[in-house]
Amino acid sequence: AFHGIAEATSVLRPEGITSLLHIGVHGGIDIDGLRTRLAQFRRAEPQVGVRLSQPAGLHELLEGKIDVLIEGSLRRHPGYRCEPVEGGFLMGPLGTGDCPEVETLRCCLRAAGPPSAVPRGAARARLPA
């Protein structure tokens, strides 16, 4: 059964795509503001497919449902990396932080202007105690 699923998946995969990066986006971040940066990422890493999920939070990251999370506020969790990017923070497991895809995404998120935040106070960064 699994062989059949793997075979069907390889047939359905778009040409040239070798891997998939599943990005979770917090509900307080306007996904339209990310379009420019994601287009830049796709140009830099054309072999990587991108899947966005919104709303997503720390629990999806902890459960492995997403690969990385764009969060509106600073959150620390053991075993996870939280780095500032324009308009928020990029979170991901420590072991994947240096992967080429994640490194390119991080650079693209830092290079462009900040994403528009949904107008509410929830998207403010909190300072660590």
Protein backbone atom coordinates (compact mmCIF):
# COMPACT_ATOMS: atom_id res chain seq x y z
CA ALA A 1 0.00 0.00 0.00
CA PHE A 2 2.77 2.46 0.93
CA HIS A 3 4.62 1.68 -2.29
CA GLY A 4 1.50 2.64 -4.26
CA ILE A 5 1.14 5.91 -2.33
CA ALA A 6 4.81 6.79 -2.90
CA GLU A 7 4.50 6.02 -6.59
CA ALA A 8 1.36 8.16 -6.96
CA THR A 9 3.01 11.02 -5.07
CA SER A 10 6.04 11.00 -7.36
CA VAL A 11 3.76 11.16 -10.41
CA LEU A 12 1.80 14.11 -9.00
CA ARG A 13 4.88 16.10 -7.89
CA PRO A 14 5.48 19.16 -10.08
CA GLU A 15 8.48 18.92 -12.42
CA GLY A 16 11.72 20.05 -10.79
CA ILE A 17 10.42 20.02 -7.21
CA THR A 18 12.64 17.85 -5.03
CA SER A 19 11.46 18.87 -1.55
CA LEU A 20 8.66 20.68 0.25
CA LEU A 21 8.92 23.34 2.96
CA HIS A 22 5.73 23.64 4.99
CA ILE A 23 5.56 27.16 6.47
CA GLY A 24 3.11 27.97 9.24
CA VAL A 25 2.03 31.60 9.56
CA HIS A 26 0.54 33.00 12.76
CA GLY A 27 -2.96 34.40 12.39
CA GLY A 28 -1.72 37.91 13.28
CA ILE A 29 0.50 38.08 10.18
CA ASP A 30 -1.03 39.21 6.89
CA ILE A 31 -0.13 36.55 4.34
CA ASP A 32 -0.41 39.08 1.50
CA GLY A 33 2.57 40.90 3.00
CA LEU A 34 4.66 37.75 2.62
CA ARG A 35 4.10 37.34 -1.11
CA THR A 36 7.15 39.37 -2.21
CA ARG A 37 9.46 37.52 0.14
CA LEU A 38 8.10 34.12 -0.81
CA ALA A 39 8.52 34.98 -4.50
CA GLN A 40 12.14 35.86 -3.75
CA PHE A 41 12.54 32.52 -1.94
CA ARG A 42 11.03 30.60 -4.87
CA ARG A 43 13.47 32.27 -7.28
CA ALA A 44 16.40 31.39 -5.02
CA GLU A 45 15.23 27.79 -4.38
CA PRO A 46 13.16 26.72 -7.43
CA GLN A 47 13.49 23.03 -6.51
CA VAL A 48 11.68 23.60 -3.18
CA GLY A 49 7.90 23.61 -3.12
CA VAL A 50 6.26 25.85 -0.52
CA ARG A 51 3.06 25.11 1.36
CA LEU A 52 1.56 27.78 3.62
CA SER A 53 -0.77 27.15 6.54
CA GLN A 54 -2.57 29.94 8.34
CA PRO A 55 -3.44 30.21 11.13
CA ALA A 56 -0.65 28.19 12.67
CA GLY A 57 1.09 28.39 16.00
CA LEU A 58 3.65 26.80 18.23
CA HIS A 59 1.56 23.67 18.77
CA GLU A 60 1.62 22.85 15.02
CA LEU A 61 5.39 23.26 15.03
CA LEU A 62 5.79 21.08 18.13
CA GLU A 63 3.57 18.37 16.60
CA GLY A 64 5.58 18.37 13.36
CA LYS A 65 2.66 19.52 11.22
CA ILE A 66 4.76 22.39 9.84
CA ASP A 67 8.52 22.75 9.24
CA VAL A 68 8.91 26.38 10.33
CA LEU A 69 6.67 29.04 11.85
CA ILE A 70 6.46 32.77 11.21
CA GLU A 71 5.28 34.11 14.56
CA GLY A 72 4.30 37.65 15.48
CA SER A 73 5.88 37.55 18.94
CA LEU A 74 9.00 36.16 20.52
CA ARG A 75 8.47 32.67 21.94
CA ARG A 76 11.12 30.43 23.37
CA HIS A 77 10.84 26.67 23.53
CA PRO A 78 13.59 24.12 24.31
CA GLY A 79 14.99 22.56 21.14
CA TYR A 80 13.63 25.29 18.87
CA ARG A 81 15.34 28.28 17.34
CA CYS A 82 13.57 31.66 17.35
CA GLU A 83 15.17 34.36 15.22
CA PRO A 84 14.00 37.88 14.42
CA VAL A 85 12.92 38.55 10.86
CA GLU A 86 11.18 41.60 9.46
CA GLY A 87 7.78 41.86 11.10
CA GLY A 88 8.12 38.87 13.42
CA PHE A 89 10.12 35.80 14.27
CA LEU A 90 11.05 32.63 12.39
CA MET A 91 10.87 29.51 14.54
CA GLY A 92 12.08 26.04 13.71
CA PRO A 93 13.74 22.97 15.23
CA LEU A 94 17.41 23.45 16.12
CA GLY A 95 18.43 20.58 13.84
CA THR A 96 16.98 22.17 10.71
CA GLY A 97 18.06 25.77 11.29
CA ASP A 98 21.15 25.41 9.12
CA CYS A 99 19.46 23.55 6.24
CA PRO A 100 19.94 25.42 2.94
CA GLU A 101 16.19 25.87 2.43
CA VAL A 102 15.62 27.32 5.90
CA GLU A 103 18.72 29.52 5.64
CA THR A 104 17.51 30.93 2.30
CA LEU A 105 14.02 31.51 3.71
CA ARG A 106 15.51 33.31 6.71
CA CYS A 107 17.57 35.57 4.41
CA CYS A 108 14.55 36.35 2.24
CA LEU A 109 12.43 37.18 5.28
CA ARG A 110 15.12 39.56 6.57
CA ALA A 111 15.84 41.24 3.21
CA ALA A 112 12.40 42.58 2.30
CA GLY A 113 10.05 44.90 4.11
CA PRO A 114 7.96 43.62 7.02
CA PRO A 115 4.71 41.79 6.44
CA SER A 116 1.61 43.77 7.21
CA ALA A 117 0.24 42.78 10.57
CA VAL A 118 -3.45 42.42 11.22
CA PRO A 119 -4.24 45.61 13.18
CA ARG A 120 -4.30 44.39 16.75
CA GLY A 121 -1.89 44.42 19.66
CA ALA A 122 -1.27 40.63 19.55
CA ALA A 123 1.50 40.91 16.97
CA ARG A 124 3.89 42.90 19.19
CA ALA A 125 7.21 41.37 20.17
CA ARG A 126 7.59 40.51 23.83
CA LEU A 127 10.94 40.91 25.46
CA PRO A 128 12.39 37.90 27.30
CA ALA A 129 12.39 38.17 31.07
